Structure formats: C-alpha cells, structure tokens
C-alpha atoms as a PDB file:
ATOM      1  CA  MET A   1      74.133  82.677 178.611  1.00  0.00           C
ATOM      2  CA  VAL A   2      72.085  85.283 180.751  1.00  0.00           C
ATOM      3  CA  ALA A   3      73.653  88.143 178.967  1.00  0.00           C
ATOM      4  CA  VAL A   4      72.541  86.654 175.509  1.00  0.00           C
ATOM      5  CA  ILE A   5      69.058  86.122 176.816  1.00  0.00           C
ATOM      6  CA  TYR A   6      68.985  89.765 178.299  1.00  0.00           C
ATOM      7  CA  GLY A   7      70.464  91.071 174.955  1.00  0.00           C
ATOM      8  CA  LEU A   8      67.717  89.232 173.101  1.00  0.00           C
ATOM      9  CA  HIS A   9      64.974  90.724 175.187  1.00  0.00           C
ATOM     10  CA  LEU A  10      66.432  94.187 174.658  1.00  0.00           C
ATOM     11  CA  THR A  11      66.517  93.697 170.981  1.00  0.00           C
ATOM     12  CA  LEU A  12      62.944  92.441 170.831  1.00  0.00           C
ATOM     13  CA  ILE A  13      61.817  95.531 172.859  1.00  0.00           C
ATOM     14  CA  ALA A  14      63.789  97.890 170.520  1.00  0.00           C
ATOM     15  CA  VAL A  15      62.267  96.240 167.348  1.00  0.00           C
ATOM     16  CA  ALA A  16      58.721  96.557 168.761  1.00  0.00           C
ATOM     17  CA  ASN A  17      59.542 100.231 169.523  1.00  0.00           C
ATOM     18  CA  ALA A  18      60.806 100.735 166.045  1.00  0.00           C
ATOM     19  CA  LEU A  19      57.816  99.116 164.363  1.00  0.00           C
ATOM     20  CA  LEU A  20      55.719 101.422 166.387  1.00  0.00           C
ATOM     21  CA  TRP A  21      57.688 104.314 165.203  1.00  0.00           C
ATOM     22  CA  ILE A  22      57.609 103.146 161.587  1.00  0.00           C
ATOM     23  CA  LEU A  23      53.777 102.856 161.657  1.00  0.00           C
ATOM     24  CA  ALA A  24      53.468 106.242 163.157  1.00  0.00           C
ATOM     25  CA  LEU A  25      55.731 107.961 160.705  1.00  0.00           C
ATOM     26  CA  ARG A  26      54.230 106.211 157.737  1.00  0.00           C
ATOM     27  CA  GLY A  27      54.246 108.649 154.700  1.00  0.00           C
ATOM     28  CA  ARG A  28      56.424 111.290 156.406  1.00  0.00           C
ATOM     29  CA  HIS A  29      60.036 112.182 155.785  1.00  0.00           C
ATOM     30  CA  ASP A  30      61.492 112.460 159.282  1.00  0.00           C
ATOM     31  CA  PRO A  31      65.021 111.171 159.464  1.00  0.00           C
ATOM     32  CA  TYR A  32      65.502 112.167 163.100  1.00  0.00           C
ATOM     33  CA  SER A  33      62.614 110.140 164.516  1.00  0.00           C
ATOM     34  CA  MET A  34      63.479 107.098 162.139  1.00  0.00           C
ATOM     35  CA  VAL A  35      67.167 106.992 162.978  1.00  0.00           C
ATOM     36  CA  THR A  36      66.324 107.497 166.745  1.00  0.00           C
ATOM     37  CA  ALA A  37      64.069 104.489 166.691  1.00  0.00           C
ATOM     38  CA  LEU A  38      66.255 102.219 164.532  1.00  0.00           C
ATOM     39  CA  PHE A  39      69.665 102.955 166.137  1.00  0.00           C
ATOM     40  CA  PRO A  40      68.920 100.946 169.440  1.00  0.00           C
ATOM     41  CA  VAL A  41      68.003  97.828 167.448  1.00  0.00           C
ATOM     42  CA  PHE A  42      71.489  97.937 165.664  1.00  0.00           C
ATOM     43  CA  VAL A  43      73.240  98.604 169.002  1.00  0.00           C
ATOM     44  CA  PHE A  44      71.198  95.588 170.782  1.00  0.00           C
ATOM     45  CA  VAL A  45      71.959  93.302 168.051  1.00  0.00           C
ATOM     46  CA  LEU A  46      75.627  94.131 168.030  1.00  0.00           C
ATOM     47  CA  ALA A  47      75.778  93.811 171.851  1.00  0.00           C
ATOM     48  CA  THR A  48      73.856  90.450 171.854  1.00  0.00           C
ATOM     49  CA  GLY A  49      76.404  89.251 169.338  1.00  0.00           C
ATOM     50  CA  VAL A  50      79.248  90.429 171.817  1.00  0.00           C
ATOM     51  CA  ALA A  51      77.575  88.864 174.751  1.00  0.00           C
ATOM     52  CA  SER A  52      77.829  85.504 173.235  1.00  0.00           C
ATOM     53  CA  VAL A  53      81.756  85.941 173.171  1.00  0.00           C
ATOM     54  CA  ALA A  54      82.462  88.354 176.093  1.00  0.00           C
ATOM     55  CA  PRO A  55      79.494  88.897 178.260  1.00  0.00           C
ATOM     56  CA  MET A  56      81.123  91.470 180.574  1.00  0.00           C
ATOM     57  CA  ALA A  57      81.952  93.665 177.446  1.00  0.00           C
ATOM     58  CA  ALA A  58      78.248  93.642 176.348  1.00  0.00           C
ATOM     59  CA  GLN A  59      77.158  95.970 179.120  1.00  0.00           C
ATOM     60  CA  PHE A  60      79.171  98.646 177.761  1.00  0.00           C
ATOM     61  CA  ILE A  61      77.764  98.290 174.241  1.00  0.00           C
ATOM     62  CA  TRP A  62      74.321  98.364 175.580  1.00  0.00           C
ATOM     63  CA  CYS A  63      74.977 101.821 176.926  1.00  0.00           C
ATOM     64  CA  LEU A  64      75.550 103.195 173.339  1.00  0.00           C
ATOM     65  CA  ALA A  65      71.704 102.906 172.749  1.00  0.00           C
ATOM     66  CA  PHE A  66      71.470 106.165 174.713  1.00  0.00           C
ATOM     67  CA  LEU A  67      73.465 107.891 171.864  1.00  0.00           C
ATOM     68  CA  SER A  68      70.328 107.391 169.584  1.00  0.00           C
ATOM     69  CA  PRO A  69      69.104 111.192 169.884  1.00  0.00           C
ATOM     70  CA  PHE A  70      72.623 112.163 168.759  1.00  0.00           C
ATOM     71  CA  ALA A  71      72.477 109.651 165.916  1.00  0.00           C
ATOM     72  CA  GLY A  72      69.168 111.134 164.952  1.00  0.00           C
ATOM     73  CA  SER A  73      70.241 114.704 164.889  1.00  0.00           C
ATOM     74  CA  VAL A  74      73.341 113.546 162.711  1.00  0.00           C
ATOM     75  CA  ALA A  75      70.890 111.946 160.274  1.00  0.00           C
ATOM     76  CA  ALA A  76      68.652 114.885 160.233  1.00  0.00           C
ATOM     77  CA  ARG A  77      71.429 117.324 159.500  1.00  0.00           C
ATOM     78  CA  ALA A  78      72.803 115.072 156.787  1.00  0.00           C
ATOM     79  CA  SER A  79      69.397 114.793 155.056  1.00  0.00           C
ATOM     80  CA  ALA A  80      68.532 118.498 155.357  1.00  0.00           C
ATOM     81  CA  PRO A  81      68.728 120.548 152.281  1.00  0.00           C
ATOM     82  CA  PRO A  82      71.693 123.146 152.156  1.00  0.00           C
ATOM     83  CA  SER A  83      70.783 126.450 153.449  1.00  0.00           C
ATOM     84  CA  PRO A  84      71.179 129.287 151.045  1.00  0.00           C
ATOM     85  CA  ARG A  85      74.012 131.571 151.897  1.00  0.00           C
ATOM     86  CA  SER A  86      73.874 135.241 152.218  1.00  0.00           C
ATOM     87  CA  PRO A  87      76.167 137.498 150.055  1.00  0.00           C
END
C-alpha cells in the first residue's frame, strides 16, 4: 500500500511539472521539451500500477523516469525535417 501511495505522489508531481511545461511551451513546437516533460508521467502511472501488484518491482520502474532526456532527444530527432544531402 505504501508503494502505491508513493507512486501516486510521484505521478501527481510529474503531472504538475508536465502542466507547467505545457503552459510554458504553448504555441511552440518543441518535441524535445514536451516529451521530456510527459515521459515521467507515463513511467509513474505504469510504476504505480505495478506497485499495486508487485511493490518491490516498482522501484526499478521508477528509475526509468531518468530516461526522459533520452526519450526527448529521440522525439526531437524523429520530428526533425530530413537534412538535405550533399552530392
């Protein structure tokens, strides 16, 4: 039960952070910052679900939130226009 409550707190903090970033990025196309802000929300929702079944495993999933800069860079690369090739 403690792991679920902790996961809910982490999720709420991540949601508040993501909302701040969404407001700050309003009107701008910045996939890196948007994915970097939203990735931890998905990680913590997943980890909270896992915590309800296997509390000891949730701690390893929470650590995946540190991969958000990597997820942001992948999203930025995927949405970037293709560079022109030199002959």
